[in-house]
Amino acid sequence: MSMQDEIREEHDISKPHRDNHFLLMLATSGSFKLNIDFKEFSFADPTLLCIFPEQVHHIIEVNNPKGWIVSVDPALIDQDIQQCFESKFQNIIMLAPDSNFYQTLRSLIHLIEKFQAAAVDKYRKRALHSLLQAFLNAIASYHISASVIARADESRSSIIKDDFCQLLKLHYKTWKQPAQYAPELAISVAHLNDTIKALTGISVSLHIQQASILEAKRQLYYTNKSVKEIGYELGYEEPVYFGKLFKKTTKLSPLAFRQQFRD
């Protein structure tokens, strides 16, 4: 749908919220300031933005927006495409107006809009689905092309990192130790730690903590659940330990964080 239509949707996108779908925005003009998972992003046209399922986000300021916003159910996105997005797409891609990539995205999304408006039979719906897949694959191809220059040994390390991140996404609430991830990747704990730290600068244990703390921040910000409830949900049976870990990571107690970011 067009960006103007999305901004007029029922839920107030100027207030913090989270969705269970991918949100892709191709901005062709305008200026934007958004908060995504407690980070502010400012950009102007042309830009491709991706907000992932469960990310807490809201618009801070927008001026003269033009372009398209597409909401995509994860069930419609192939697993390898999702993995590519999650491992390589850092929310925003700044686009060159005269680039083939930008022109391709514009052409595809314009066709998606036309077919969506007229998708009344199974053949048009199939065409719409095919166009959506072409749009998603074009974005994935852009990311893969950008990383082709990596050497083979770096690529192997990247595969380990990507696979670890996928496991972390699925299991961070219950798997709190590096030793639970390494066997699933068929490598030693030492190799996993060395690889992840070399590529990201932080240890596997810290990645596990950060995944839990990020989800805790989202829930403190977006829900009215108690600190104890959030801690239990994230796999911490001792509320005191969870509170100390949260404060060590964020420099704020859970309740202080909630008060600061809601006020």
Protein backbone atom coordinates (compact mmCIF):
# COMPACT_ATOMS: atom_id res chain seq x y z
CA MET A 1 0.00 0.00 0.00
CA SER A 2 1.09 3.62 -0.30
CA MET A 3 2.86 5.30 2.57
CA GLN A 4 0.07 7.82 3.03
CA ASP A 5 -2.47 5.01 3.43
CA GLU A 6 -0.31 3.29 6.04
CA ILE A 7 0.05 6.47 8.07
CA ARG A 8 -3.75 6.69 8.20
CA GLU A 9 -4.15 3.12 9.49
CA GLU A 10 -6.10 2.41 12.65
CA HIS A 11 -3.27 1.91 15.11
CA ASP A 12 -1.30 5.00 16.02
CA ILE A 13 2.16 4.44 14.58
CA SER A 14 3.46 7.46 16.50
CA LYS A 15 3.12 5.39 19.68
CA PRO A 16 5.40 2.44 20.55
CA HIS A 17 4.06 -0.85 19.22
CA ARG A 18 5.23 -4.16 17.85
CA ASP A 19 3.92 -6.31 15.01
CA ASN A 20 4.07 -10.00 14.15
CA HIS A 21 4.95 -9.27 10.53
CA PHE A 22 7.81 -7.80 8.52
CA LEU A 23 7.33 -4.14 7.63
CA LEU A 24 9.16 -2.98 4.52
CA MET A 25 9.17 0.69 3.54
CA LEU A 26 10.55 2.08 0.31
CA ALA A 27 10.72 5.85 0.75
CA THR A 28 11.02 7.81 -2.48
CA SER A 29 10.88 11.26 -0.87
CA GLY A 30 10.53 12.90 2.52
CA SER A 31 12.50 12.89 5.75
CA PHE A 32 12.01 10.51 8.66
CA LYS A 33 12.96 9.98 12.28
CA LEU A 34 12.04 6.64 13.86
CA ASN A 35 12.78 4.77 17.06
CA ILE A 36 13.42 1.06 16.55
CA ASP A 37 14.26 -1.03 19.61
CA PHE A 38 15.34 2.09 21.56
CA LYS A 39 17.63 3.43 18.81
CA GLU A 40 16.83 6.55 16.80
CA PHE A 41 17.22 6.47 13.02
CA SER A 42 17.09 9.60 10.89
CA PHE A 43 17.11 9.41 7.10
CA ALA A 44 15.84 11.02 3.94
CA ASP A 45 14.83 9.65 0.56
CA PRO A 46 15.50 7.31 -1.10
CA THR A 47 15.72 4.61 1.57
CA LEU A 48 14.69 1.01 2.12
CA LEU A 49 13.64 0.28 5.69
CA CYS A 50 12.88 -3.10 7.26
CA ILE A 51 11.29 -3.48 10.69
CA PHE A 52 11.39 -7.07 11.86
CA PRO A 53 8.64 -8.94 13.70
CA GLU A 54 8.56 -8.15 17.43
CA GLN A 55 10.75 -5.04 17.16
CA VAL A 56 9.22 -2.20 19.19
CA HIS A 57 9.04 0.90 17.01
CA HIS A 58 7.32 4.21 16.48
CA ILE A 59 7.60 7.29 14.30
CA ILE A 60 9.07 10.37 15.99
CA GLU A 61 8.82 12.75 13.05
CA VAL A 62 8.02 12.53 9.36
CA ASN A 63 7.85 15.22 6.70
CA ASN A 64 6.35 14.95 3.20
CA PRO A 65 6.48 11.15 3.03
CA LYS A 66 6.08 9.42 -0.32
CA GLY A 67 6.67 5.82 -1.25
CA TRP A 68 5.30 2.44 -0.28
CA ILE A 69 4.91 0.35 2.86
CA VAL A 70 4.40 -3.40 2.61
CA SER A 71 3.45 -5.65 5.54
CA VAL A 72 4.52 -9.25 4.95
CA ASP A 73 3.51 -12.28 7.00
CA PRO A 74 6.66 -14.33 7.80
CA ALA A 75 4.81 -17.39 6.47
CA LEU A 76 5.08 -15.85 2.99
CA ILE A 77 8.86 -15.43 3.18
CA ASP A 78 11.15 -18.39 2.44
CA GLN A 79 13.31 -19.39 5.39
CA ASP A 80 16.57 -18.63 3.58
CA ILE A 81 15.32 -15.14 2.74
CA GLN A 82 14.36 -14.53 6.36
CA GLN A 83 17.77 -15.71 7.50
CA CYS A 84 19.47 -13.43 4.99
CA PHE A 85 17.44 -10.45 6.18
CA GLU A 86 18.08 -11.18 9.85
CA SER A 87 21.82 -11.69 9.44
CA LYS A 88 22.59 -8.92 6.94
CA PHE A 89 19.80 -6.31 6.93
CA GLN A 90 20.42 -3.71 9.65
CA ASN A 91 17.02 -2.00 9.38
CA ILE A 92 18.03 0.67 6.83
CA ILE A 93 19.64 0.74 3.38
CA MET A 94 20.42 4.16 1.92
CA LEU A 95 19.82 3.99 -1.83
CA ALA A 96 21.42 5.79 -4.75
CA PRO A 97 18.65 7.36 -6.89
CA ASP A 98 20.28 6.28 -10.15
CA SER A 99 21.20 2.74 -9.05
CA ASN A 100 19.76 -0.31 -10.80
CA PHE A 101 18.79 -1.74 -7.40
CA TYR A 102 16.63 1.26 -6.51
CA GLN A 103 15.00 1.36 -9.92
CA THR A 104 14.27 -2.38 -9.74
CA LEU A 105 12.65 -2.04 -6.32
CA ARG A 106 10.51 0.87 -7.52
CA SER A 107 9.32 -1.05 -10.58
CA LEU A 108 8.47 -4.18 -8.59
CA ILE A 109 6.66 -2.43 -5.77
CA HIS A 110 4.68 -0.32 -8.25
CA LEU A 111 3.53 -3.55 -9.91
CA ILE A 112 2.71 -5.06 -6.50
CA GLU A 113 0.50 -2.07 -5.75
CA LYS A 114 -1.32 -2.38 -9.09
CA PHE A 115 -1.93 -6.11 -8.72
CA GLN A 116 -2.98 -5.74 -5.08
CA ALA A 117 -5.67 -3.28 -6.09
CA ALA A 118 -7.03 -5.73 -8.65
CA ALA A 119 -6.31 -9.14 -7.08
CA VAL A 120 -9.78 -10.64 -7.54
CA ASP A 121 -8.99 -14.05 -9.05
CA LYS A 122 -6.49 -16.80 -8.35
CA TYR A 123 -4.24 -15.89 -11.28
CA ARG A 124 -3.84 -12.27 -10.23
CA LYS A 125 -3.19 -13.46 -6.68
CA ARG A 126 -0.49 -15.80 -7.96
CA ALA A 127 1.02 -12.93 -9.92
CA LEU A 128 0.95 -10.75 -6.80
CA HIS A 129 2.69 -13.46 -4.79
CA SER A 130 5.33 -13.89 -7.50
CA LEU A 131 5.99 -10.15 -7.59
CA LEU A 132 6.35 -10.07 -3.81
CA GLN A 133 8.84 -12.94 -3.98
CA ALA A 134 10.77 -11.09 -6.69
CA PHE A 135 10.89 -7.98 -4.48
CA LEU A 136 12.16 -9.95 -1.46
CA ASN A 137 14.69 -11.90 -3.53
CA ALA A 138 16.02 -8.69 -5.07
CA ILE A 139 16.73 -7.37 -1.57
CA ALA A 140 18.39 -10.64 -0.52
CA SER A 141 20.49 -10.65 -3.69
CA TYR A 142 21.67 -7.12 -2.93
CA HIS A 143 22.96 -8.26 0.46
CA ILE A 144 24.56 -11.44 -0.85
CA SER A 145 26.29 -9.53 -3.66
CA ALA A 146 27.71 -7.09 -1.13
CA SER A 147 29.35 -9.91 0.82
CA VAL A 148 30.64 -12.06 -2.08
CA ILE A 149 34.11 -10.60 -1.79
CA ALA A 150 34.67 -12.34 1.55
CA ARG A 151 37.35 -15.03 1.55
CA ALA A 152 36.38 -18.68 2.00
CA ASP A 153 37.58 -18.88 5.61
CA GLU A 154 35.67 -15.70 6.47
CA SER A 155 32.60 -17.13 4.77
CA ARG A 156 32.81 -20.24 6.94
CA SER A 157 33.01 -18.03 10.01
CA SER A 158 30.04 -16.02 8.77
CA ILE A 159 28.02 -19.20 8.33
CA ILE A 160 28.76 -20.18 11.93
CA LYS A 161 27.73 -16.71 13.11
CA ASP A 162 24.51 -16.74 11.08
CA ASP A 163 23.59 -20.23 12.30
CA PHE A 164 24.35 -19.24 15.88
CA CYS A 165 22.14 -16.16 15.55
CA GLN A 166 19.28 -18.31 14.26
CA LEU A 167 19.65 -20.69 17.20
CA LEU A 168 19.86 -17.76 19.59
CA LYS A 169 16.64 -16.31 18.23
CA LEU A 170 14.85 -19.62 18.87
CA HIS A 171 16.37 -20.61 22.20
CA TYR A 172 17.66 -17.59 24.13
CA LYS A 173 14.90 -17.98 26.73
CA THR A 174 16.01 -21.49 27.69
CA TRP A 175 19.58 -21.95 26.45
CA LYS A 176 21.73 -19.70 28.64
CA GLN A 177 25.13 -21.40 28.14
CA PRO A 178 27.45 -21.50 25.09
CA ALA A 179 27.75 -25.26 25.60
CA GLN A 180 24.11 -25.63 24.57
CA TYR A 181 24.73 -23.99 21.18
CA ALA A 182 28.08 -25.47 20.13
CA PRO A 183 26.89 -29.11 19.69
CA GLU A 184 24.04 -27.94 17.45
CA LEU A 185 26.66 -26.30 15.21
CA ALA A 186 28.96 -29.36 15.33
CA ILE A 187 31.87 -27.32 16.72
CA SER A 188 33.57 -26.96 20.08
CA VAL A 189 32.59 -24.30 22.59
CA ALA A 190 36.04 -22.74 22.19
CA HIS A 191 35.68 -22.56 18.39
CA LEU A 192 32.22 -21.03 18.72
CA ASN A 193 33.42 -18.43 21.19
CA ASP A 194 36.51 -17.56 19.14
CA THR A 195 34.47 -17.21 15.93
CA ILE A 196 31.70 -15.10 17.40
CA LYS A 197 34.07 -12.82 19.27
CA ALA A 198 36.28 -12.34 16.19
CA LEU A 199 33.30 -11.31 14.04
CA THR A 200 31.27 -9.32 16.56
CA GLY A 201 33.70 -8.24 19.26
CA ILE A 202 31.69 -9.81 22.08
CA SER A 203 31.42 -13.29 23.56
CA VAL A 204 28.70 -15.88 23.05
CA SER A 205 27.60 -15.46 26.68
CA LEU A 206 27.16 -11.74 26.17
CA HIS A 207 25.12 -12.31 23.01
CA ILE A 208 22.80 -14.59 25.01
CA GLN A 209 22.45 -11.96 27.74
CA GLN A 210 21.83 -9.19 25.22
CA ALA A 211 19.05 -11.15 23.49
CA SER A 212 17.29 -11.62 26.83
CA ILE A 213 17.79 -8.02 27.92
CA LEU A 214 16.52 -6.66 24.58
CA GLU A 215 13.30 -8.65 24.90
CA ALA A 216 13.03 -7.53 28.54
CA LYS A 217 13.33 -3.90 27.39
CA ARG A 218 10.62 -4.44 24.79
CA GLN A 219 8.24 -5.92 27.33
CA LEU A 220 8.97 -3.32 29.99
CA TYR A 221 8.30 -0.63 27.42
CA TYR A 222 5.35 -2.11 25.61
CA THR A 223 3.50 -4.28 28.18
CA ASN A 224 2.28 -3.93 31.75
CA LYS A 225 3.80 -7.23 32.87
CA SER A 226 5.60 -7.17 36.20
CA VAL A 227 9.39 -7.46 36.36
CA LYS A 228 8.96 -10.88 37.96
CA GLU A 229 6.69 -12.08 35.13
CA ILE A 230 9.11 -10.86 32.47
CA GLY A 231 12.06 -12.49 34.22
CA TYR A 232 10.28 -15.84 34.44
CA GLU A 233 9.24 -15.64 30.78
CA LEU A 234 12.86 -15.05 29.77
CA GLY A 235 14.14 -18.04 31.73
CA TYR A 236 15.29 -16.36 34.95
CA GLU A 237 13.70 -18.04 37.95
CA GLU A 238 15.27 -15.68 40.46
CA PRO A 239 13.82 -12.16 40.12
CA VAL A 240 16.71 -10.68 42.10
CA TYR A 241 19.29 -12.15 39.73
CA PHE A 242 17.33 -10.95 36.70
CA GLY A 243 17.12 -7.45 38.18
CA LYS A 244 20.86 -7.36 38.85
CA LEU A 245 21.67 -8.61 35.35
CA PHE A 246 19.37 -6.02 33.80
CA LYS A 247 20.94 -3.21 35.82
CA LYS A 248 24.47 -4.41 35.06
CA THR A 249 23.67 -4.33 31.34
CA THR A 250 21.61 -1.14 31.09
CA LYS A 251 22.79 0.82 34.17
CA LEU A 252 19.12 1.06 35.21
CA SER A 253 16.86 -1.17 37.25
CA PRO A 254 13.95 -2.68 35.27
CA LEU A 255 11.44 -0.34 36.91
CA ALA A 256 13.67 2.70 36.36
CA PHE A 257 14.01 1.73 32.70
CA ARG A 258 10.23 1.43 32.35
CA GLN A 259 9.67 4.79 33.98
CA GLN A 260 12.36 6.56 31.94
CA PHE A 261 11.23 5.31 28.54
CA ARG A 262 7.51 5.64 29.14
CA ASP A 263 7.70 9.18 30.48
